[in-house]
PDB file of N, CA and C in Angstrom:
ATOM      1  N   MET A   1      15.149  11.855   3.286  1.00  0.00           N
ATOM      2  CA  MET A   1      14.659  10.871   3.007  1.00  0.00           C
ATOM      3  C   MET A   1      13.412  10.560   3.190  1.00  0.00           C
ATOM      4  N   SER A   2      12.276  10.139   1.726  1.00  0.00           N
ATOM      5  CA  SER A   2      11.020  11.046   2.098  1.00  0.00           C
ATOM      6  C   SER A   2       9.933   9.554   3.072  1.00  0.00           C
ATOM      7  N   VAL A   3       9.074   9.777   3.235  1.00  0.00           N
ATOM      8  CA  VAL A   3       7.951   8.801   3.841  1.00  0.00           C
ATOM      9  C   VAL A   3       7.347   8.561   3.205  1.00  0.00           C
ATOM     10  N   PRO A   4       6.748   6.923   2.660  1.00  0.00           N
ATOM     11  CA  PRO A   4       6.617   6.590   1.690  1.00  0.00           C
ATOM     12  C   PRO A   4       4.066   7.522   2.478  1.00  0.00           C
ATOM     13  N   ASP A   5       4.322   7.542   1.334  1.00  0.00           N
ATOM     14  CA  ASP A   5       2.269   8.348   1.402  1.00  0.00           C
ATOM     15  C   ASP A   5       1.693   7.241   2.202  1.00  0.00           C
ATOM     16  N   GLY A   6       1.324   8.180   3.511  1.00  0.00           N
ATOM     17  CA  GLY A   6       0.922   7.360   4.804  1.00  0.00           C
ATOM     18  C   GLY A   6       0.717   7.480   6.076  1.00  0.00           C
ATOM     19  N   TRP A   7       2.211   7.258   5.932  1.00  0.00           N
ATOM     20  CA  TRP A   7       3.298   6.640   7.404  1.00  0.00           C
ATOM     21  C   TRP A   7       3.706   8.389   7.592  1.00  0.00           C
ATOM     22  N   THR A   8       4.114   8.402   8.696  1.00  0.00           N
ATOM     23  CA  THR A   8       4.452   8.923   9.780  1.00  0.00           C
ATOM     24  C   THR A   8       5.868   9.016   9.836  1.00  0.00           C
ATOM     25  N   GLU A   9       6.857   9.963  10.463  1.00  0.00           N
ATOM     26  CA  GLU A   9       7.977   9.722  11.057  1.00  0.00           C
ATOM     27  C   GLU A   9       8.156   9.717  12.591  1.00  0.00           C
ATOM     28  N   VAL A  10       8.059   9.487  13.024  1.00  0.00           N
ATOM     29  CA  VAL A  10       7.925   9.207  14.923  1.00  0.00           C
ATOM     30  C   VAL A  10       8.837   8.350  15.382  1.00  0.00           C
ATOM     31  N   ASP A  11       9.714   9.315  16.509  1.00  0.00           N
ATOM     32  CA  ASP A  11      11.045   9.133  16.712  1.00  0.00           C
ATOM     33  C   ASP A  11      11.903   7.582  16.283  1.00  0.00           C
ATOM     34  N   GLY A  12      12.071   8.199  14.907  1.00  0.00           N
ATOM     35  CA  GLY A  12      12.923   7.606  14.624  1.00  0.00           C
ATOM     36  C   GLY A  12      12.698   6.610  13.756  1.00  0.00           C
ATOM     37  N   ALA A  13      10.971   6.203  13.693  1.00  0.00           N
ATOM     38  CA  ALA A  13      10.728   4.706  13.294  1.00  0.00           C
ATOM     39  C   ALA A  13       9.282   5.479  12.170  1.00  0.00           C
ATOM     40  N   LEU A  14       8.822   4.558  10.848  1.00  0.00           N
ATOM     41  CA  LEU A  14       8.277   4.821  10.094  1.00  0.00           C
ATOM     42  C   LEU A  14       6.818   4.441  10.333  1.00  0.00           C
ATOM     43  N   GLU A  15       5.655   5.845  11.141  1.00  0.00           N
ATOM     44  CA  GLU A  15       4.386   4.441  11.872  1.00  0.00           C
ATOM     45  C   GLU A  15       3.197   5.059  11.363  1.00  0.00           C
ATOM     46  N   ARG A  16       2.163   3.954  11.155  1.00  0.00           N
ATOM     47  CA  ARG A  16       1.196   4.490  10.644  1.00  0.00           C
ATOM     48  C   ARG A  16       0.195   3.166  10.754  1.00  0.00           C
ATOM     49  N   THR A  17      -0.963   3.836  11.269  1.00  0.00           N
ATOM     50  CA  THR A  17      -2.133   3.198  12.110  1.00  0.00           C
ATOM     51  C   THR A  17      -3.454   2.738  11.020  1.00  0.00           C
ATOM     52  N   PHE A  18      -3.433   1.779  11.076  1.00  0.00           N
ATOM     53  CA  PHE A  18      -5.039   0.275  10.151  1.00  0.00           C
ATOM     54  C   PHE A  18      -5.653   0.969  10.537  1.00  0.00           C
ATOM     55  N   GLU A  19      -6.875   1.021  10.668  1.00  0.00           N
ATOM     56  CA  GLU A  19      -8.537   0.180  11.043  1.00  0.00           C
ATOM     57  C   GLU A  19      -8.677  -0.880  10.284  1.00  0.00           C
ATOM     58  N   LEU A  20      -9.072  -1.778  10.438  1.00  0.00           N
ATOM     59  CA  LEU A  20      -9.643  -2.902   9.563  1.00  0.00           C
ATOM     60  C   LEU A  20     -11.446  -3.113  10.236  1.00  0.00           C
ATOM     61  N   PRO A  21     -12.126  -3.699   9.287  1.00  0.00           N
ATOM     62  CA  PRO A  21     -13.184  -3.585   9.296  1.00  0.00           C
ATOM     63  C   PRO A  21     -14.136  -4.497  11.217  1.00  0.00           C
ATOM     64  N   SER A  22     -13.027  -5.191  11.175  1.00  0.00           N
ATOM     65  CA  SER A  22     -13.072  -6.303  12.123  1.00  0.00           C
ATOM     66  C   SER A  22     -11.758  -6.145  12.997  1.00  0.00           C
ATOM     67  N   PHE A  23     -12.749  -7.185  14.124  1.00  0.00           N
ATOM     68  CA  PHE A  23     -10.811  -7.695  14.834  1.00  0.00           C
ATOM     69  C   PHE A  23     -10.531  -8.725  14.147  1.00  0.00           C
ATOM     70  N   PRO A  24     -11.656  -9.861  13.504  1.00  0.00           N
ATOM     71  CA  PRO A  24     -10.551 -11.091  12.990  1.00  0.00           C
ATOM     72  C   PRO A  24      -9.301 -10.097  11.661  1.00  0.00           C
ATOM     73  N   GLU A  25     -10.039  -9.147  10.759  1.00  0.00           N
ATOM     74  CA  GLU A  25      -9.054  -8.731   9.203  1.00  0.00           C
ATOM     75  C   GLU A  25      -8.592  -8.207  10.395  1.00  0.00           C
ATOM     76  N   ALA A  26      -8.910  -7.695  11.462  1.00  0.00           N
ATOM     77  CA  ALA A  26      -7.064  -7.262  12.276  1.00  0.00           C
ATOM     78  C   ALA A  26      -6.242  -8.269  12.152  1.00  0.00           C
ATOM     79  N   ILE A  27      -6.455  -9.267  12.604  1.00  0.00           N
ATOM     80  CA  ILE A  27      -5.789 -10.073  13.375  1.00  0.00           C
ATOM     81  C   ILE A  27      -5.291 -10.319  11.665  1.00  0.00           C
ATOM     82  N   ASP A  28      -5.563 -11.371  10.636  1.00  0.00           N
ATOM     83  CA  ASP A  28      -5.355 -11.422   9.343  1.00  0.00           C
ATOM     84  C   ASP A  28      -4.322 -10.476   8.602  1.00  0.00           C
ATOM     85  N   TYR A  29      -5.031  -8.937   8.842  1.00  0.00           N
ATOM     86  CA  TYR A  29      -4.001  -8.420   8.254  1.00  0.00           C
ATOM     87  C   TYR A  29      -1.999  -8.377   9.091  1.00  0.00           C
ATOM     88  N   VAL A  30      -2.393  -8.460  10.624  1.00  0.00           N
ATOM     89  CA  VAL A  30      -0.953  -8.723  11.335  1.00  0.00           C
ATOM     90  C   VAL A  30      -0.513  -9.812  11.122  1.00  0.00           C
ATOM     91  N   ASN A  31      -0.836 -11.291  10.461  1.00  0.00           N
ATOM     92  CA  ASN A  31      -0.360 -12.288  10.250  1.00  0.00           C
ATOM     93  C   ASN A  31       0.162 -12.043   8.637  1.00  0.00           C
ATOM     94  N   ARG A  32      -0.837 -11.567   7.904  1.00  0.00           N
ATOM     95  CA  ARG A  32      -0.083 -10.986   6.541  1.00  0.00           C
ATOM     96  C   ARG A  32       1.053 -10.542   6.568  1.00  0.00           C
ATOM     97  N   VAL A  33       0.896  -9.149   7.179  1.00  0.00           N
ATOM     98  CA  VAL A  33       1.996  -8.306   7.757  1.00  0.00           C
ATOM     99  C   VAL A  33       4.003  -9.416   8.434  1.00  0.00           C
ATOM    100  N   ALA A  34       3.384  -9.904   8.914  1.00  0.00           N
ATOM    101  CA  ALA A  34       3.860 -11.557   9.657  1.00  0.00           C
ATOM    102  C   ALA A  34       4.547 -11.965   9.077  1.00  0.00           C
ATOM    103  N   GLU A  35       4.167 -12.532   7.757  1.00  0.00           N
ATOM    104  CA  GLU A  35       4.390 -13.273   7.195  1.00  0.00           C
ATOM    105  C   GLU A  35       5.410 -12.618   6.100  1.00  0.00           C
ATOM    106  N   LEU A  36       5.274 -11.150   5.204  1.00  0.00           N
ATOM    107  CA  LEU A  36       6.253 -10.801   5.005  1.00  0.00           C
ATOM    108  C   LEU A  36       7.704 -10.556   6.032  1.00  0.00           C
ATOM    109  N   ALA A  37       7.642  -9.998   6.936  1.00  0.00           N
ATOM    110  CA  ALA A  37       8.081  -9.560   7.767  1.00  0.00           C
ATOM    111  C   ALA A  37       9.425 -10.711   7.909  1.00  0.00           C
ATOM    112  N   VAL A  38       8.925 -11.728   7.617  1.00  0.00           N
ATOM    113  CA  VAL A  38       9.578 -13.299   7.850  1.00  0.00           C
ATOM    114  C   VAL A  38      10.023 -13.383   6.458  1.00  0.00           C
ATOM    115  N   SER A  39      10.101 -13.621   5.732  1.00  0.00           N
ATOM    116  CA  SER A  39      10.744 -13.202   4.626  1.00  0.00           C
ATOM    117  C   SER A  39      11.912 -13.162   4.578  1.00  0.00           C
ATOM    118  N   GLU A  40      11.703 -11.482   4.726  1.00  0.00           N
ATOM    119  CA  GLU A  40      12.357 -10.584   4.926  1.00  0.00           C
ATOM    120  C   GLU A  40      13.312 -10.056   5.923  1.00  0.00           C
ATOM    121  N   ASN A  41      13.358 -11.391   6.816  1.00  0.00           N
ATOM    122  CA  ASN A  41      14.348 -11.076   7.575  1.00  0.00           C
ATOM    123  C   ASN A  41      14.169  -9.710   8.869  1.00  0.00           C
ATOM    124  N   HIS A  42      13.114  -8.737   8.901  1.00  0.00           N
ATOM    125  CA  HIS A  42      12.839  -7.257   9.220  1.00  0.00           C
ATOM    126  C   HIS A  42      11.543  -7.651   9.397  1.00  0.00           C
ATOM    127  N   HIS A  43      11.425  -7.038  11.401  1.00  0.00           N
ATOM    128  CA  HIS A  43      10.595  -7.174  12.017  1.00  0.00           C
ATOM    129  C   HIS A  43      10.168  -6.051  12.651  1.00  0.00           C
ATOM    130  N   PRO A  44       8.730  -5.905  12.069  1.00  0.00           N
ATOM    131  CA  PRO A  44       7.928  -4.104  12.782  1.00  0.00           C
ATOM    132  C   PRO A  44       7.731  -4.558  14.129  1.00  0.00           C
ATOM    133  N   ASP A  45       7.729  -2.971  14.515  1.00  0.00           N
ATOM    134  CA  ASP A  45       6.559  -3.882  16.126  1.00  0.00           C
ATOM    135  C   ASP A  45       5.225  -3.167  15.298  1.00  0.00           C
ATOM    136  N   VAL A  46       4.088  -3.945  16.789  1.00  0.00           N
ATOM    137  CA  VAL A  46       2.969  -3.570  16.254  1.00  0.00           C
ATOM    138  C   VAL A  46       2.275  -3.862  17.515  1.00  0.00           C
ATOM    139  N   ALA A  47       1.499  -3.061  16.918  1.00  0.00           N
ATOM    140  CA  ALA A  47       0.164  -2.528  18.208  1.00  0.00           C
ATOM    141  C   ALA A  47      -1.138  -3.101  17.305  1.00  0.00           C
ATOM    142  N   ILE A  48      -1.602  -4.104  18.955  1.00  0.00           N
ATOM    143  CA  ILE A  48      -2.892  -4.097  18.263  1.00  0.00           C
ATOM    144  C   ILE A  48      -3.796  -3.703  18.926  1.00  0.00           C
ATOM    145  N   SER A  49      -4.655  -3.005  18.618  1.00  0.00           N
ATOM    146  CA  SER A  49      -6.625  -2.284  19.889  1.00  0.00           C
ATOM    147  C   SER A  49      -7.405  -2.916  18.960  1.00  0.00           C
ATOM    148  N   TYR A  50      -7.544  -3.464  19.988  1.00  0.00           N
ATOM    149  CA  TYR A  50      -9.593  -4.560  18.641  1.00  0.00           C
ATOM    150  C   TYR A  50      -9.419  -4.273  17.100  1.00  0.00           C
ATOM    151  N   THR A  51     -10.166  -3.135  16.475  1.00  0.00           N
ATOM    152  CA  THR A  51      -9.837  -3.021  14.692  1.00  0.00           C
ATOM    153  C   THR A  51      -9.090  -2.667  14.379  1.00  0.00           C
ATOM    154  N   LYS A  52      -7.567  -2.131  15.070  1.00  0.00           N
ATOM    155  CA  LYS A  52      -6.503  -1.145  14.780  1.00  0.00           C
ATOM    156  C   LYS A  52      -5.059  -1.533  14.745  1.00  0.00           C
ATOM    157  N   VAL A  53      -4.215  -1.334  13.914  1.00  0.00           N
ATOM    158  CA  VAL A  53      -3.053  -2.067  14.036  1.00  0.00           C
ATOM    159  C   VAL A  53      -2.318  -0.754  13.918  1.00  0.00           C
ATOM    160  N   THR A  54      -1.368  -0.895  14.585  1.00  0.00           N
ATOM    161  CA  THR A  54      -0.155   0.333  14.383  1.00  0.00           C
ATOM    162  C   THR A  54       1.070  -0.390  13.903  1.00  0.00           C
ATOM    163  N   LEU A  55       1.941  -0.031  13.432  1.00  0.00           N
ATOM    164  CA  LEU A  55       3.354  -0.596  12.960  1.00  0.00           C
ATOM    165  C   LEU A  55       4.408   0.878  12.795  1.00  0.00           C
ATOM    166  N   ARG A  56       5.772   0.334  13.387  1.00  0.00           N
ATOM    167  CA  ARG A  56       6.338   0.725  13.444  1.00  0.00           C
ATOM    168  C   ARG A  56       7.371  -0.003  12.231  1.00  0.00           C
ATOM    169  N   TRP A  57       8.098   0.895  12.204  1.00  0.00           N
ATOM    170  CA  TRP A  57       9.362   0.566  10.839  1.00  0.00           C
ATOM    171  C   TRP A  57      10.467   1.041  11.044  1.00  0.00           C
ATOM    172  N   THR A  58      11.180   0.069  11.660  1.00  0.00           N
ATOM    173  CA  THR A  58      12.909   1.757  11.535  1.00  0.00           C
ATOM    174  C   THR A  58      13.767   0.136  11.638  1.00  0.00           C
ATOM    175  N   THR A  59      15.416   1.145  11.747  1.00  0.00           N
ATOM    176  CA  THR A  59      16.533  -0.571  11.750  1.00  0.00           C
ATOM    177  C   THR A  59      17.372  -0.188  12.827  1.00  0.00           C
ATOM    178  N   HIS A  60      16.798  -0.785  13.759  1.00  0.00           N
ATOM    179  CA  HIS A  60      17.705  -0.874  15.694  1.00  0.00           C
ATOM    180  C   HIS A  60      19.095  -0.220  15.374  1.00  0.00           C
ATOM    181  N   SER A  61      19.904  -1.468  14.151  1.00  0.00           N
ATOM    182  CA  SER A  61      21.357  -1.285  14.272  1.00  0.00           C
ATOM    183  C   SER A  61      21.738  -0.790  13.642  1.00  0.00           C
ATOM    184  N   GLU A  62      20.078   0.887  13.173  1.00  0.00           N
ATOM    185  CA  GLU A  62      21.199   1.496  12.288  1.00  0.00           C
ATOM    186  C   GLU A  62      20.662   2.569  12.368  1.00  0.00           C
ATOM    187  N   GLY A  63      19.823   2.493  13.728  1.00  0.00           N
ATOM    188  CA  GLY A  63      19.933   4.085  14.281  1.00  0.00           C
ATOM    189  C   GLY A  63      18.891   4.695  14.093  1.00  0.00           C
ATOM    190  N   GLY A  64      17.934   4.156  13.303  1.00  0.00           N
ATOM    191  CA  GLY A  64      16.348   5.218  12.651  1.00  0.00           C
ATOM    192  C   GLY A  64      16.245   4.508  11.053  1.00  0.00           C
ATOM    193  N   ILE A  65      15.313   4.758   9.989  1.00  0.00           N
ATOM    194  CA  ILE A  65      14.657   4.798   9.192  1.00  0.00           C
ATOM    195  C   ILE A  65      16.029   4.648   8.345  1.00  0.00           C
ATOM    196  N   THR A  66      15.538   3.333   7.523  1.00  0.00           N
ATOM    197  CA  THR A  66      16.555   2.660   6.322  1.00  0.00           C
ATOM    198  C   THR A  66      15.515   3.275   5.209  1.00  0.00           C
ATOM    199  N   ASP A  67      16.173   2.494   3.818  1.00  0.00           N
ATOM    200  CA  ASP A  67      15.395   2.514   2.475  1.00  0.00           C
ATOM    201  C   ASP A  67      14.618   1.000   2.412  1.00  0.00           C
ATOM    202  N   ARG A  68      15.075   0.251   3.053  1.00  0.00           N
ATOM    203  CA  ARG A  68      14.727  -0.957   3.578  1.00  0.00           C
ATOM    204  C   ARG A  68      13.141  -1.448   4.691  1.00  0.00           C
ATOM    205  N   ASP A  69      13.611   0.068   5.922  1.00  0.00           N
ATOM    206  CA  ASP A  69      12.417   0.267   6.160  1.00  0.00           C
ATOM    207  C   ASP A  69      11.214   0.946   5.395  1.00  0.00           C
ATOM    208  N   ARG A  70      11.361   1.320   4.664  1.00  0.00           N
ATOM    209  CA  ARG A  70      10.888   1.932   3.113  1.00  0.00           C
ATOM    210  C   ARG A  70      10.324   2.008   2.634  1.00  0.00           C
ATOM    211  N   GLU A  71      10.517   0.823   2.079  1.00  0.00           N
ATOM    212  CA  GLU A  71       9.850  -0.750   1.047  1.00  0.00           C
ATOM    213  C   GLU A  71       9.214  -1.650   1.540  1.00  0.00           C
ATOM    214  N   LEU A  72       9.651  -2.099   3.272  1.00  0.00           N
ATOM    215  CA  LEU A  72       8.441  -2.685   4.145  1.00  0.00           C
ATOM    216  C   LEU A  72       7.069  -2.185   3.947  1.00  0.00           C
ATOM    217  N   ALA A  73       7.232  -0.881   4.634  1.00  0.00           N
ATOM    218  CA  ALA A  73       5.859  -0.121   5.062  1.00  0.00           C
ATOM    219  C   ALA A  73       5.283   0.117   3.675  1.00  0.00           C
ATOM    220  N   ALA A  74       5.792   0.336   2.773  1.00  0.00           N
ATOM    221  CA  ALA A  74       5.046   0.711   1.399  1.00  0.00           C
ATOM    222  C   ALA A  74       4.353  -1.163   1.267  1.00  0.00           C
ATOM    223  N   ARG A  75       5.201  -1.879   1.314  1.00  0.00           N
ATOM    224  CA  ARG A  75       4.998  -3.521   0.818  1.00  0.00           C
ATOM    225  C   ARG A  75       3.470  -3.749   1.452  1.00  0.00           C
ATOM    226  N   SER A  76       4.424  -3.117   3.589  1.00  0.00           N
ATOM    227  CA  SER A  76       2.599  -3.720   4.308  1.00  0.00           C
ATOM    228  C   SER A  76       1.495  -3.020   4.392  1.00  0.00           C
ATOM    229  N   ALA A  77       1.119  -1.743   3.719  1.00  0.00           N
ATOM    230  CA  ALA A  77       0.927  -1.467   3.435  1.00  0.00           C
ATOM    231  C   ALA A  77      -0.575  -1.466   2.620  1.00  0.00           C
ATOM    232  N   GLU A  78       0.242  -2.081   1.393  1.00  0.00           N
ATOM    233  CA  GLU A  78      -0.817  -3.125  -0.051  1.00  0.00           C
ATOM    234  C   GLU A  78      -1.471  -4.393   0.149  1.00  0.00           C
ATOM    235  N   LEU A  79      -0.805  -5.014   2.260  1.00  0.00           N
ATOM    236  CA  LEU A  79      -1.319  -5.521   2.204  1.00  0.00           C
ATOM    237  C   LEU A  79      -2.899  -4.993   3.339  1.00  0.00           C
ATOM    238  N   ALA A  80      -3.172  -4.265   3.171  1.00  0.00           N
ATOM    239  CA  ALA A  80      -4.218  -3.719   4.487  1.00  0.00           C
ATOM    240  C   ALA A  80      -5.671  -4.511   3.476  1.00  0.00           C
TER     241      ALA A  80
END
């Protein structure tokens, strides 16, 4: 299966780091991703380091990446 543009497959998850202009903008981005995740009832792992936000999408119950992870990875990238 394909990996969405800008994402890499790392240890069974789609991973991407976004660099935002400032810490408040990074937090705003995480909040937008959180709204998406809650609305879809599917949640990424999130790591924040100042202006960098790393997302990891995977479906633990399926043991790896699913089409849903690919869709939500692409949708979360559009929020950046």
